[in-house]
Each structure stands twice: as C-alpha cells, then as structure tokens.
Amino acid sequence: MVSAKFLLLATICILLVALPISAGEKILDKVAITKVEFFQKGKLIEVAKDDDPLRIRAYLGAKEIAPEFRDKFLLIFYLDDLPIRTLPISDILYTPFVDYLWEKPTSGLHSISASLSTADAIGKMVHYKIFIEEVKPVLRINSLEIDTTRR
C-alpha cells in the first residue's frame, strides 16, 4: 500500500516537472536565430584586424507566437562556449535582431554562439567561428589615437 502511494506521488511529480519543459520546447520550436553577423566600424566583417569593439548581431525569426508568450524569451550570447551576455526579449515578433558589443576583442580563433531560451528550456544554439588576426596596441591621448605597432 505504501509503495503504491509512493509510485503515484512519484509519477505526479515527474509529470508536473516534465510539463513546463515540454511547453518551453514547443515555444522554442516556433522561434529561430536565422543568422549571426559581425560588425566593426559599422561594416560587416569576416576578419577583425584591430582593437575596435566588435558588434555581434543575432537575427531572430518567429512564427505563430501567441500573445501570452511575449516577455518569455532570453537571447544568450556565448564566447568560446562561455555565456557572456543574456538579453531579455520583450516581443519576439518585433525584434528583428539583437546586438552584443564585444568591447575588447582578443586575437585568435574564437567560437561565437547564440541561443534562445525560455525560463525552462534552451533552444538550438547557432555557432560561428571568427578569426581575429591582429590586435593593434593604440595609444589614446584625448581624442588623438596613435598606432604603436611600428615603434
């Protein structure tokens, strides 16, 4: 008798825990990151050659999102598999892209990723590799910038 009650309670607990996760996954099935791009000095880039901040932009697409699911999404940016910024998205239908500013890029090959999540589920992660060829040391004096690579 005790084991039957225990099994019943365990089954109810498992069902209650599993329901929100599957609901979150269903929401994320209707939302996607369509692409990730990199900008530097306002231009789309493939290779970064200096120490200017790098803007990472994730473009979002959505379909059939019910009004009750607004304010439910988070966009997470990752650098080399570590989360670097989580941005709440108030309304996925009116958010064509979300930017993250990487203020101090470092040279080398990096993996930059983005994923959408809800409070209880994480969607598909989109990975991109970016190679930063050179980070020039720049001496800034007021508004004057001096390239110090040849000294």
N, C-alpha and C. Protein backbone atom coordinates (compact mmCIF):
# COMPACT_ATOMS: atom_id res chain seq x y z
N MET A 1 0.82 -1.20 0.00
CA MET A 1 0.00 0.00 0.00
C MET A 1 0.87 1.26 0.00
N VAL A 2 1.92 1.25 0.83
CA VAL A 2 2.81 2.40 0.90
C VAL A 2 3.54 2.58 -0.42
N SER A 3 3.98 1.49 -1.03
CA SER A 3 4.72 1.61 -2.28
C SER A 3 3.82 2.09 -3.41
N ALA A 4 2.54 1.74 -3.40
CA ALA A 4 1.62 2.21 -4.43
C ALA A 4 1.41 3.72 -4.32
N LYS A 5 1.27 4.23 -3.09
CA LYS A 5 1.14 5.68 -2.89
C LYS A 5 2.41 6.39 -3.31
N PHE A 6 3.54 5.79 -2.96
CA PHE A 6 4.83 6.40 -3.34
C PHE A 6 4.96 6.47 -4.87
N LEU A 7 4.59 5.38 -5.55
CA LEU A 7 4.67 5.38 -7.01
C LEU A 7 3.72 6.41 -7.62
N LEU A 8 2.53 6.55 -7.06
CA LEU A 8 1.58 7.54 -7.55
C LEU A 8 2.12 8.95 -7.37
N LEU A 9 2.65 9.24 -6.18
CA LEU A 9 3.23 10.56 -5.93
C LEU A 9 4.43 10.82 -6.84
N ALA A 10 5.28 9.82 -7.01
CA ALA A 10 6.45 9.98 -7.88
C ALA A 10 6.02 10.26 -9.32
N THR A 11 5.00 9.56 -9.79
CA THR A 11 4.50 9.77 -11.16
C THR A 11 3.94 11.18 -11.32
N ILE A 12 3.20 11.65 -10.34
CA ILE A 12 2.64 13.01 -10.40
C ILE A 12 3.76 14.04 -10.43
N CYS A 13 4.77 13.85 -9.57
CA CYS A 13 5.90 14.78 -9.54
C CYS A 13 6.63 14.82 -10.88
N ILE A 14 6.86 13.66 -11.46
CA ILE A 14 7.55 13.59 -12.76
C ILE A 14 6.73 14.30 -13.83
N LEU A 15 5.42 14.10 -13.83
CA LEU A 15 4.56 14.75 -14.83
C LEU A 15 4.57 16.27 -14.65
N LEU A 16 4.50 16.72 -13.39
CA LEU A 16 4.50 18.16 -13.14
C LEU A 16 5.82 18.81 -13.54
N VAL A 17 6.92 18.11 -13.30
CA VAL A 17 8.23 18.65 -13.68
C VAL A 17 8.39 18.64 -15.19
N ALA A 18 7.91 17.62 -15.86
CA ALA A 18 8.12 17.49 -17.32
C ALA A 18 7.23 18.42 -18.12
N LEU A 19 6.05 18.80 -17.61
CA LEU A 19 5.14 19.63 -18.40
C LEU A 19 5.71 20.98 -18.81
N PRO A 20 6.27 21.78 -17.89
CA PRO A 20 6.77 23.08 -18.32
C PRO A 20 7.93 22.98 -19.29
N ILE A 21 8.76 21.96 -19.14
CA ILE A 21 9.90 21.81 -20.04
C ILE A 21 9.42 21.56 -21.46
N SER A 22 8.45 20.67 -21.63
CA SER A 22 7.94 20.41 -22.97
C SER A 22 7.22 21.64 -23.52
N ALA A 23 6.54 22.41 -22.67
CA ALA A 23 5.88 23.63 -23.13
C ALA A 23 6.92 24.63 -23.63
N GLY A 24 8.04 24.78 -22.89
CA GLY A 24 9.12 25.67 -23.31
C GLY A 24 9.73 25.24 -24.62
N GLU A 25 9.89 23.93 -24.80
CA GLU A 25 10.47 23.42 -26.05
C GLU A 25 9.52 23.68 -27.21
N LYS A 26 8.22 23.57 -26.98
CA LYS A 26 7.26 23.83 -28.05
C LYS A 26 7.30 25.29 -28.48
N ILE A 27 7.45 26.19 -27.50
CA ILE A 27 7.56 27.62 -27.83
C ILE A 27 8.81 27.85 -28.68
N LEU A 28 9.93 27.24 -28.29
CA LEU A 28 11.19 27.46 -29.00
C LEU A 28 11.19 26.84 -30.39
N ASP A 29 10.32 25.87 -30.64
CA ASP A 29 10.21 25.31 -31.98
C ASP A 29 9.71 26.35 -32.98
N LYS A 30 9.01 27.37 -32.49
CA LYS A 30 8.42 28.37 -33.39
C LYS A 30 9.31 29.60 -33.53
N VAL A 31 10.45 29.62 -32.85
CA VAL A 31 11.35 30.77 -32.87
C VAL A 31 12.73 30.27 -33.27
N ALA A 32 13.44 31.05 -34.07
CA ALA A 32 14.76 30.62 -34.51
C ALA A 32 15.70 31.81 -34.63
N ILE A 33 16.98 31.54 -34.43
CA ILE A 33 18.01 32.51 -34.78
C ILE A 33 18.36 32.22 -36.23
N THR A 34 18.14 33.18 -37.09
CA THR A 34 18.33 32.92 -38.52
C THR A 34 19.77 33.12 -38.96
N LYS A 35 20.49 34.04 -38.33
CA LYS A 35 21.91 34.22 -38.66
C LYS A 35 22.58 35.06 -37.59
N VAL A 36 23.91 35.00 -37.56
CA VAL A 36 24.72 35.82 -36.66
C VAL A 36 25.74 36.54 -37.53
N GLU A 37 25.88 37.85 -37.35
CA GLU A 37 26.84 38.63 -38.13
C GLU A 37 27.74 39.44 -37.22
N PHE A 38 28.87 39.89 -37.77
CA PHE A 38 29.85 40.66 -37.02
C PHE A 38 30.08 41.99 -37.71
N PHE A 39 30.10 43.07 -36.93
CA PHE A 39 30.31 44.41 -37.47
C PHE A 39 31.47 45.06 -36.73
N GLN A 40 32.25 45.82 -37.49
CA GLN A 40 33.32 46.60 -36.89
C GLN A 40 33.42 47.90 -37.67
N LYS A 41 33.46 49.02 -36.96
CA LYS A 41 33.43 50.34 -37.60
C LYS A 41 32.22 50.45 -38.53
N GLY A 42 31.11 49.84 -38.14
CA GLY A 42 29.89 49.95 -38.91
C GLY A 42 29.83 49.10 -40.16
N LYS A 43 30.85 48.26 -40.41
CA LYS A 43 30.87 47.44 -41.61
C LYS A 43 30.83 45.96 -41.22
N LEU A 44 30.15 45.20 -42.06
CA LEU A 44 30.11 43.75 -41.89
C LEU A 44 31.51 43.19 -42.13
N ILE A 45 32.01 42.36 -41.24
CA ILE A 45 33.39 41.87 -41.36
C ILE A 45 33.46 40.36 -41.26
N GLU A 46 34.55 39.82 -41.75
CA GLU A 46 34.88 38.41 -41.54
C GLU A 46 36.12 38.27 -40.67
N VAL A 47 37.08 39.15 -40.85
CA VAL A 47 38.31 39.11 -40.07
C VAL A 47 38.50 40.46 -39.40
N ALA A 48 38.67 40.45 -38.09
CA ALA A 48 38.90 41.69 -37.36
C ALA A 48 40.40 41.95 -37.30
N LYS A 49 40.82 43.18 -37.62
CA LYS A 49 42.25 43.45 -37.68
C LYS A 49 42.73 44.49 -36.67
N ASP A 50 41.87 44.97 -35.83
CA ASP A 50 42.34 45.93 -34.84
C ASP A 50 41.55 45.78 -33.55
N ASP A 51 41.74 46.72 -32.65
CA ASP A 51 41.14 46.55 -31.32
C ASP A 51 39.83 47.30 -31.16
N ASP A 52 39.20 47.67 -32.26
CA ASP A 52 37.89 48.31 -32.15
C ASP A 52 36.88 47.33 -31.57
N PRO A 53 35.88 47.84 -30.88
CA PRO A 53 34.82 46.94 -30.41
C PRO A 53 34.17 46.21 -31.57
N LEU A 54 33.73 45.01 -31.29
CA LEU A 54 33.12 44.15 -32.30
C LEU A 54 31.65 43.98 -31.95
N ARG A 55 30.78 44.31 -32.88
CA ARG A 55 29.35 44.15 -32.63
C ARG A 55 28.90 42.81 -33.18
N ILE A 56 28.31 42.00 -32.32
CA ILE A 56 27.79 40.69 -32.71
C ILE A 56 26.27 40.84 -32.78
N ARG A 57 25.71 40.51 -33.92
CA ARG A 57 24.27 40.70 -34.12
C ARG A 57 23.62 39.37 -34.44
N ALA A 58 22.63 38.99 -33.67
CA ALA A 58 21.85 37.78 -33.93
C ALA A 58 20.50 38.19 -34.48
N TYR A 59 20.16 37.65 -35.64
CA TYR A 59 18.86 37.92 -36.25
C TYR A 59 17.87 36.85 -35.82
N LEU A 60 16.67 37.27 -35.50
CA LEU A 60 15.66 36.37 -34.97
C LEU A 60 14.48 36.25 -35.92
N GLY A 61 13.92 35.08 -35.98
CA GLY A 61 12.71 34.86 -36.76
C GLY A 61 11.68 34.15 -35.90
N ALA A 62 10.41 34.47 -36.12
CA ALA A 62 9.35 33.84 -35.31
C ALA A 62 8.12 33.61 -36.17
N LYS A 63 7.34 32.63 -35.76
CA LYS A 63 6.06 32.38 -36.42
C LYS A 63 5.06 31.89 -35.38
N GLU A 64 3.84 32.28 -35.54
CA GLU A 64 2.73 31.79 -34.71
C GLU A 64 2.97 31.96 -33.21
N ILE A 65 3.55 33.07 -32.81
CA ILE A 65 3.77 33.28 -31.38
C ILE A 65 2.52 33.92 -30.77
N ALA A 66 1.92 33.22 -29.82
CA ALA A 66 0.72 33.73 -29.15
C ALA A 66 1.10 34.87 -28.20
N PRO A 67 0.17 35.82 -28.00
CA PRO A 67 0.48 36.97 -27.12
C PRO A 67 0.93 36.58 -25.72
N GLU A 68 0.42 35.47 -25.20
CA GLU A 68 0.81 35.08 -23.83
C GLU A 68 2.26 34.65 -23.72
N PHE A 69 2.95 34.44 -24.86
CA PHE A 69 4.34 34.05 -24.82
C PHE A 69 5.29 35.24 -24.96
N ARG A 70 4.75 36.45 -25.04
CA ARG A 70 5.61 37.63 -25.07
C ARG A 70 6.27 37.79 -23.71
N ASP A 71 7.45 38.38 -23.70
CA ASP A 71 8.27 38.54 -22.47
C ASP A 71 8.75 37.21 -21.92
N LYS A 72 8.78 36.16 -22.74
CA LYS A 72 9.19 34.84 -22.24
C LYS A 72 10.58 34.44 -22.74
N PHE A 73 11.19 35.22 -23.64
CA PHE A 73 12.42 34.78 -24.29
C PHE A 73 13.65 35.50 -23.78
N LEU A 74 14.75 34.77 -23.77
CA LEU A 74 16.07 35.33 -23.47
C LEU A 74 16.99 34.94 -24.61
N LEU A 75 17.83 35.89 -25.05
CA LEU A 75 18.85 35.58 -26.04
C LEU A 75 20.18 35.54 -25.29
N ILE A 76 20.91 34.45 -25.45
CA ILE A 76 22.19 34.28 -24.75
C ILE A 76 23.31 34.26 -25.79
N PHE A 77 24.29 35.15 -25.63
CA PHE A 77 25.49 35.13 -26.46
C PHE A 77 26.58 34.37 -25.72
N TYR A 78 27.36 33.58 -26.46
CA TYR A 78 28.46 32.80 -25.88
C TYR A 78 29.75 33.15 -26.61
N LEU A 79 30.84 33.19 -25.88
CA LEU A 79 32.17 33.35 -26.47
C LEU A 79 33.02 32.18 -25.99
N ASP A 80 33.51 31.39 -26.95
CA ASP A 80 34.29 30.19 -26.62
C ASP A 80 33.54 29.32 -25.61
N ASP A 81 32.25 29.11 -25.87
CA ASP A 81 31.35 28.24 -25.10
C ASP A 81 31.02 28.75 -23.70
N LEU A 82 31.38 29.99 -23.37
CA LEU A 82 31.01 30.57 -22.08
C LEU A 82 29.99 31.68 -22.30
N PRO A 83 28.90 31.69 -21.54
CA PRO A 83 27.91 32.77 -21.72
C PRO A 83 28.51 34.12 -21.36
N ILE A 84 28.36 35.09 -22.26
CA ILE A 84 28.91 36.42 -21.99
C ILE A 84 27.83 37.47 -21.79
N ARG A 85 26.63 37.23 -22.31
CA ARG A 85 25.57 38.21 -22.11
C ARG A 85 24.22 37.55 -22.33
N THR A 86 23.27 37.84 -21.46
CA THR A 86 21.90 37.36 -21.62
C THR A 86 21.01 38.59 -21.78
N LEU A 87 20.26 38.62 -22.88
CA LEU A 87 19.41 39.77 -23.17
C LEU A 87 17.95 39.34 -23.17
N PRO A 88 17.11 39.97 -22.36
CA PRO A 88 15.68 39.66 -22.41
C PRO A 88 15.07 40.23 -23.68
N ILE A 89 14.15 39.51 -24.28
CA ILE A 89 13.48 39.96 -25.50
C ILE A 89 12.01 40.17 -25.15
N SER A 90 11.57 41.40 -25.26
CA SER A 90 10.21 41.72 -24.80
C SER A 90 9.15 41.17 -25.75
N ASP A 91 9.41 41.24 -27.05
CA ASP A 91 8.41 40.77 -28.00
C ASP A 91 9.13 40.23 -29.23
N ILE A 92 9.15 38.94 -29.38
CA ILE A 92 9.93 38.29 -30.43
C ILE A 92 9.47 38.71 -31.82
N LEU A 93 8.18 39.04 -31.98
CA LEU A 93 7.68 39.40 -33.31
C LEU A 93 8.20 40.76 -33.77
N TYR A 94 8.58 41.61 -32.84
CA TYR A 94 9.04 42.95 -33.21
C TYR A 94 10.51 43.14 -32.90
N THR A 95 11.27 42.07 -32.83
CA THR A 95 12.70 42.14 -32.57
C THR A 95 13.44 41.48 -33.73
N PRO A 96 13.77 42.22 -34.78
CA PRO A 96 14.43 41.58 -35.92
C PRO A 96 15.86 41.14 -35.61
N PHE A 97 16.54 41.85 -34.70
CA PHE A 97 17.89 41.44 -34.31
C PHE A 97 18.20 41.97 -32.92
N VAL A 98 19.22 41.39 -32.31
CA VAL A 98 19.70 41.84 -31.01
C VAL A 98 21.22 41.92 -31.07
N ASP A 99 21.78 43.02 -30.60
CA ASP A 99 23.22 43.26 -30.65
C ASP A 99 23.89 42.99 -29.31
N TYR A 100 25.13 42.53 -29.40
CA TYR A 100 26.01 42.49 -28.23
C TYR A 100 27.32 43.15 -28.63
N LEU A 101 27.84 44.05 -27.83
CA LEU A 101 29.09 44.74 -28.14
C LEU A 101 30.23 44.08 -27.37
N TRP A 102 31.15 43.43 -28.11
CA TRP A 102 32.35 42.84 -27.51
C TRP A 102 33.39 43.94 -27.50
N GLU A 103 33.62 44.54 -26.33
CA GLU A 103 34.40 45.77 -26.25
C GLU A 103 35.90 45.56 -26.41
N LYS A 104 36.43 44.41 -25.99
CA LYS A 104 37.87 44.19 -26.09
C LYS A 104 38.14 42.85 -26.75
N PRO A 105 38.03 42.80 -28.08
CA PRO A 105 38.30 41.54 -28.76
C PRO A 105 39.77 41.14 -28.60
N THR A 106 40.02 39.85 -28.56
CA THR A 106 41.40 39.36 -28.46
C THR A 106 41.73 38.55 -29.71
N SER A 107 43.02 38.56 -30.08
CA SER A 107 43.42 37.87 -31.31
C SER A 107 43.27 36.36 -31.15
N GLY A 108 43.13 35.69 -32.29
CA GLY A 108 43.00 34.23 -32.30
C GLY A 108 41.67 33.79 -32.86
N LEU A 109 41.46 32.48 -32.86
CA LEU A 109 40.22 31.88 -33.36
C LEU A 109 39.23 31.75 -32.21
N HIS A 110 38.03 32.26 -32.41
CA HIS A 110 37.02 32.23 -31.36
C HIS A 110 35.74 31.60 -31.89
N SER A 111 35.03 30.94 -31.00
CA SER A 111 33.71 30.42 -31.30
C SER A 111 32.71 31.37 -30.67
N ILE A 112 31.84 31.94 -31.50
CA ILE A 112 30.80 32.82 -31.01
C ILE A 112 29.47 32.15 -31.29
N SER A 113 28.63 32.06 -30.28
CA SER A 113 27.37 31.35 -30.41
C SER A 113 26.24 32.19 -29.84
N ALA A 114 25.05 31.84 -30.25
CA ALA A 114 23.86 32.47 -29.69
C ALA A 114 22.77 31.41 -29.58
N SER A 115 21.99 31.50 -28.52
CA SER A 115 20.85 30.60 -28.38
C SER A 115 19.69 31.35 -27.75
N LEU A 116 18.51 30.92 -28.08
CA LEU A 116 17.31 31.45 -27.44
C LEU A 116 16.91 30.52 -26.32
N SER A 117 16.35 31.08 -25.28
CA SER A 117 15.86 30.23 -24.20
C SER A 117 14.59 30.82 -23.62
N THR A 118 13.89 29.99 -22.91
CA THR A 118 12.80 30.44 -22.06
C THR A 118 13.25 30.13 -20.64
N ALA A 119 12.39 30.35 -19.68
CA ALA A 119 12.78 30.09 -18.29
C ALA A 119 13.08 28.62 -18.05
N ASP A 120 12.49 27.73 -18.87
CA ASP A 120 12.63 26.31 -18.58
C ASP A 120 13.17 25.48 -19.73
N ALA A 121 13.62 26.11 -20.82
CA ALA A 121 14.17 25.33 -21.93
C ALA A 121 15.13 26.18 -22.74
N ILE A 122 16.12 25.53 -23.33
CA ILE A 122 17.09 26.22 -24.19
C ILE A 122 16.94 25.68 -25.60
N GLY A 123 16.86 26.60 -26.55
CA GLY A 123 16.70 26.21 -27.94
C GLY A 123 18.02 25.87 -28.60
N LYS A 124 17.95 25.67 -29.90
CA LYS A 124 19.12 25.30 -30.69
C LYS A 124 20.15 26.44 -30.68
N MET A 125 21.41 26.08 -30.49
CA MET A 125 22.48 27.07 -30.47
C MET A 125 23.07 27.20 -31.87
N VAL A 126 23.29 28.44 -32.30
CA VAL A 126 23.91 28.71 -33.60
C VAL A 126 25.37 29.10 -33.34
N HIS A 127 26.30 28.36 -33.97
CA HIS A 127 27.73 28.57 -33.76
C HIS A 127 28.36 29.24 -34.97
N TYR A 128 29.29 30.16 -34.72
CA TYR A 128 30.09 30.76 -35.77
C TYR A 128 31.52 30.88 -35.28
N LYS A 129 32.46 30.73 -36.19
CA LYS A 129 33.87 30.91 -35.85
C LYS A 129 34.32 32.24 -36.41
N ILE A 130 35.10 32.97 -35.65
CA ILE A 130 35.68 34.22 -36.14
C ILE A 130 37.16 34.23 -35.79
N PHE A 131 37.96 34.62 -36.77
CA PHE A 131 39.41 34.70 -36.54
C PHE A 131 39.80 36.16 -36.47
N ILE A 132 40.36 36.56 -35.33
CA ILE A 132 40.85 37.92 -35.17
C ILE A 132 42.36 37.88 -35.39
N GLU A 133 42.76 38.48 -36.49
CA GLU A 133 44.13 38.35 -36.97
C GLU A 133 45.13 39.11 -36.10
N GLU A 134 44.79 40.34 -35.75
CA GLU A 134 45.77 41.19 -35.08
C GLU A 134 45.03 42.16 -34.19
N VAL A 135 45.57 42.37 -33.02
CA VAL A 135 45.03 43.40 -32.14
C VAL A 135 46.13 44.43 -31.97
N LYS A 136 45.94 45.61 -32.56
CA LYS A 136 46.98 46.63 -32.53
C LYS A 136 46.92 47.39 -31.21
N PRO A 137 48.06 47.61 -30.59
CA PRO A 137 48.05 48.49 -29.42
C PRO A 137 47.87 49.94 -29.88
N VAL A 138 46.92 50.63 -29.30
CA VAL A 138 46.64 52.00 -29.68
C VAL A 138 46.77 52.88 -28.46
N LEU A 139 47.55 53.93 -28.59
CA LEU A 139 47.73 54.90 -27.51
C LEU A 139 46.71 56.01 -27.73
N ARG A 140 45.86 56.25 -26.76
CA ARG A 140 44.85 57.29 -26.90
C ARG A 140 45.20 58.46 -26.00
N ILE A 141 45.32 59.62 -26.60
CA ILE A 141 45.55 60.86 -25.84
C ILE A 141 44.41 61.81 -26.20
N ASN A 142 43.50 62.02 -25.27
CA ASN A 142 42.26 62.77 -25.54
C ASN A 142 41.57 62.16 -26.75
N SER A 143 41.38 62.93 -27.82
CA SER A 143 40.71 62.37 -29.00
C SER A 143 41.71 61.87 -30.04
N LEU A 144 43.01 62.04 -29.80
CA LEU A 144 44.05 61.63 -30.74
C LEU A 144 44.40 60.17 -30.51
N GLU A 145 44.44 59.38 -31.58
CA GLU A 145 44.82 57.97 -31.48
C GLU A 145 46.12 57.76 -32.25
N ILE A 146 47.07 57.09 -31.64
CA ILE A 146 48.37 56.82 -32.28
C ILE A 146 48.58 55.31 -32.32
N ASP A 147 48.81 54.81 -33.54
CA ASP A 147 49.09 53.38 -33.71
C ASP A 147 50.53 53.14 -33.27
N THR A 148 50.73 52.22 -32.32
CA THR A 148 52.07 52.00 -31.76
C THR A 148 52.71 50.71 -32.29
N THR A 149 52.16 50.11 -33.34
CA THR A 149 52.70 48.82 -33.79
C THR A 149 54.07 48.94 -34.43
N ARG A 150 54.43 50.10 -34.99
CA ARG A 150 55.71 50.23 -35.69
C ARG A 150 56.77 50.91 -34.84
N ARG A 151 56.58 51.00 -33.57
CA ARG A 151 57.56 51.69 -32.72
C ARG A 151 58.27 50.71 -31.83
